[in-house]
C-alpha atoms as a PDB file:
ATOM      1  CA  MET A   1    -127.555 174.549 168.979  1.00  0.00           C
ATOM      2  CA  THR A   2    -124.814 176.171 166.883  1.00  0.00           C
ATOM      3  CA  ILE A   3    -122.960 174.419 164.113  1.00  0.00           C
ATOM      4  CA  THR A   4    -119.393 174.800 162.897  1.00  0.00           C
ATOM      5  CA  ARG A   5    -118.452 174.698 159.248  1.00  0.00           C
ATOM      6  CA  ILE A   6    -114.824 173.968 158.328  1.00  0.00           C
ATOM      7  CA  ASN A   7    -113.795 174.690 154.739  1.00  0.00           C
ATOM      8  CA  GLN A   8    -110.434 173.820 153.175  1.00  0.00           C
ATOM      9  CA  PHE A   9    -108.930 175.406 150.072  1.00  0.00           C
ATOM     10  CA  GLN A  10    -105.754 174.655 148.123  1.00  0.00           C
ATOM     11  CA  ALA A  11    -104.596 177.356 145.720  1.00  0.00           C
ATOM     12  CA  LYS A  12    -102.570 176.815 142.594  1.00  0.00           C
ATOM     13  CA  PRO A  13     -98.991 177.782 143.550  1.00  0.00           C
ATOM     14  CA  ASP A  14     -99.036 180.959 141.460  1.00  0.00           C
ATOM     15  CA  LYS A  15    -102.527 181.952 142.688  1.00  0.00           C
ATOM     16  CA  ALA A  16    -102.043 181.763 146.479  1.00  0.00           C
ATOM     17  CA  GLU A  17    -101.931 185.520 147.096  1.00  0.00           C
ATOM     18  CA  ARG A  18    -104.889 186.133 144.815  1.00  0.00           C
ATOM     19  CA  LEU A  19    -106.948 183.428 146.534  1.00  0.00           C
ATOM     20  CA  PHE A  20    -106.005 184.844 149.940  1.00  0.00           C
ATOM     21  CA  GLY A  21    -107.342 188.245 148.841  1.00  0.00           C
ATOM     22  CA  PHE A  22    -110.522 186.694 147.483  1.00  0.00           C
ATOM     23  CA  LEU A  23    -111.192 184.677 150.654  1.00  0.00           C
ATOM     24  CA  THR A  24    -110.518 187.742 152.795  1.00  0.00           C
ATOM     25  CA  SER A  25    -113.159 189.692 150.856  1.00  0.00           C
ATOM     26  CA  VAL A  26    -115.671 186.847 151.191  1.00  0.00           C
ATOM     27  CA  ILE A  27    -115.057 186.650 154.955  1.00  0.00           C
ATOM     28  CA  GLU A  28    -116.200 190.249 155.349  1.00  0.00           C
ATOM     29  CA  ALA A  29    -119.508 189.487 153.629  1.00  0.00           C
ATOM     30  CA  VAL A  30    -119.990 186.249 155.576  1.00  0.00           C
ATOM     31  CA  ARG A  31    -119.576 188.025 158.917  1.00  0.00           C
ATOM     32  CA  GLU A  32    -122.456 190.346 157.973  1.00  0.00           C
ATOM     33  CA  SER A  33    -124.791 187.455 157.066  1.00  0.00           C
ATOM     34  CA  PRO A  34    -127.806 186.666 159.262  1.00  0.00           C
ATOM     35  CA  GLY A  35    -127.045 183.756 161.572  1.00  0.00           C
ATOM     36  CA  CYS A  36    -123.248 184.093 161.426  1.00  0.00           C
ATOM     37  CA  ILE A  37    -121.714 183.931 164.885  1.00  0.00           C
ATOM     38  CA  HIS A  38    -118.039 183.847 163.927  1.00  0.00           C
ATOM     39  CA  CYS A  39    -115.905 183.453 160.795  1.00  0.00           C
ATOM     40  CA  ARG A  40    -112.138 183.159 160.627  1.00  0.00           C
ATOM     41  CA  LEU A  41    -109.642 182.630 157.781  1.00  0.00           C
ATOM     42  CA  LEU A  42    -106.424 180.733 158.528  1.00  0.00           C
ATOM     43  CA  ARG A  43    -103.349 180.192 156.336  1.00  0.00           C
ATOM     44  CA  SER A  44    -101.053 177.193 156.718  1.00  0.00           C
ATOM     45  CA  LEU A  45     -97.526 177.847 157.935  1.00  0.00           C
ATOM     46  CA  GLU A  46     -96.276 174.698 156.192  1.00  0.00           C
ATOM     47  CA  ASP A  47     -98.051 175.369 152.878  1.00  0.00           C
ATOM     48  CA  PRO A  48     -98.892 179.051 152.218  1.00  0.00           C
ATOM     49  CA  ALA A  49    -101.199 178.006 149.373  1.00  0.00           C
ATOM     50  CA  ARG A  50    -103.522 176.129 151.799  1.00  0.00           C
ATOM     51  CA  PHE A  51    -106.318 177.947 153.613  1.00  0.00           C
ATOM     52  CA  VAL A  52    -109.005 177.032 156.122  1.00  0.00           C
ATOM     53  CA  ILE A  53    -112.139 178.975 156.963  1.00  0.00           C
ATOM     54  CA  ILE A  54    -113.794 178.150 160.282  1.00  0.00           C
ATOM     55  CA  GLU A  55    -117.353 179.414 160.619  1.00  0.00           C
ATOM     56  CA  GLU A  56    -119.879 179.230 163.442  1.00  0.00           C
ATOM     57  CA  TRP A  57    -123.563 179.520 162.553  1.00  0.00           C
ATOM     58  CA  GLU A  58    -126.922 179.459 164.251  1.00  0.00           C
ATOM     59  CA  SER A  59    -127.967 176.710 161.797  1.00  0.00           C
ATOM     60  CA  VAL A  60    -126.965 174.844 158.646  1.00  0.00           C
ATOM     61  CA  GLU A  61    -129.709 176.738 156.830  1.00  0.00           C
ATOM     62  CA  ALA A  62    -128.215 180.104 157.810  1.00  0.00           C
ATOM     63  CA  HIS A  63    -124.860 179.030 156.341  1.00  0.00           C
ATOM     64  CA  GLN A  64    -126.443 177.748 153.149  1.00  0.00           C
ATOM     65  CA  ASN A  65    -128.403 180.980 152.702  1.00  0.00           C
ATOM     66  CA  ALA A  66    -125.227 183.019 153.110  1.00  0.00           C
ATOM     67  CA  ALA A  67    -123.400 180.847 150.573  1.00  0.00           C
ATOM     68  CA  LYS A  68    -126.187 181.457 148.037  1.00  0.00           C
ATOM     69  CA  ALA A  69    -125.594 185.210 148.373  1.00  0.00           C
ATOM     70  CA  ILE A  70    -122.103 184.987 146.838  1.00  0.00           C
ATOM     71  CA  PRO A  71    -122.434 186.150 143.215  1.00  0.00           C
ATOM     72  CA  PRO A  72    -121.874 183.321 140.683  1.00  0.00           C
ATOM     73  CA  GLU A  73    -119.245 185.341 138.815  1.00  0.00           C
ATOM     74  CA  MET A  74    -117.185 185.584 142.007  1.00  0.00           C
ATOM     75  CA  LEU A  75    -117.385 181.817 142.464  1.00  0.00           C
ATOM     76  CA  ALA A  76    -116.316 181.274 138.851  1.00  0.00           C
ATOM     77  CA  GLU A  77    -113.319 183.547 139.422  1.00  0.00           C
ATOM     78  CA  ALA A  78    -112.359 181.594 142.549  1.00  0.00           C
ATOM     79  CA  ARG A  79    -112.561 178.227 140.757  1.00  0.00           C
ATOM     80  CA  GLU A  80    -109.703 179.355 138.500  1.00  0.00           C
ATOM     81  CA  MET A  81    -107.482 179.734 141.573  1.00  0.00           C
ATOM     82  CA  PHE A  82    -108.122 176.304 143.132  1.00  0.00           C
ATOM     83  CA  ALA A  83    -105.577 173.512 142.691  1.00  0.00           C
ATOM     84  CA  THR A  84    -108.159 171.028 144.009  1.00  0.00           C
ATOM     85  CA  PRO A  85    -111.893 171.322 144.651  1.00  0.00           C
ATOM     86  CA  PRO A  86    -112.694 173.001 148.003  1.00  0.00           C
ATOM     87  CA  GLN A  87    -113.779 170.721 150.832  1.00  0.00           C
ATOM     88  CA  GLY A  88    -116.194 171.529 153.638  1.00  0.00           C
ATOM     89  CA  MET A  89    -118.057 169.784 156.421  1.00  0.00           C
ATOM     90  CA  TYR A  90    -120.487 170.660 159.204  1.00  0.00           C
ATOM     91  CA  PHE A  91    -119.726 169.804 162.842  1.00  0.00           C
ATOM     92  CA  GLN A  92    -121.565 170.105 166.131  1.00  0.00           C
ATOM     93  CA  GLY A  93    -120.342 169.744 169.628  1.00  0.00           C
END
């Protein structure tokens, strides 16, 4: 059974383009990760500083392993761009 992970991000108003570039670079690495079926970045039309990443995985464990592969310094850089903490949940269906 596959799982879907939906992640939401809100950038600081002056950091939206920078966060978009960061998330785009992360998407490329995620797509290469073992167990990744699909990964897509979306940007809100109503609020260009809001982003959603929709991921499909073979398992929760595969997603968690891929997330651990992101270098800590990259995550620290991203935290400076967030207006609010990122949110994410797993779904099945």
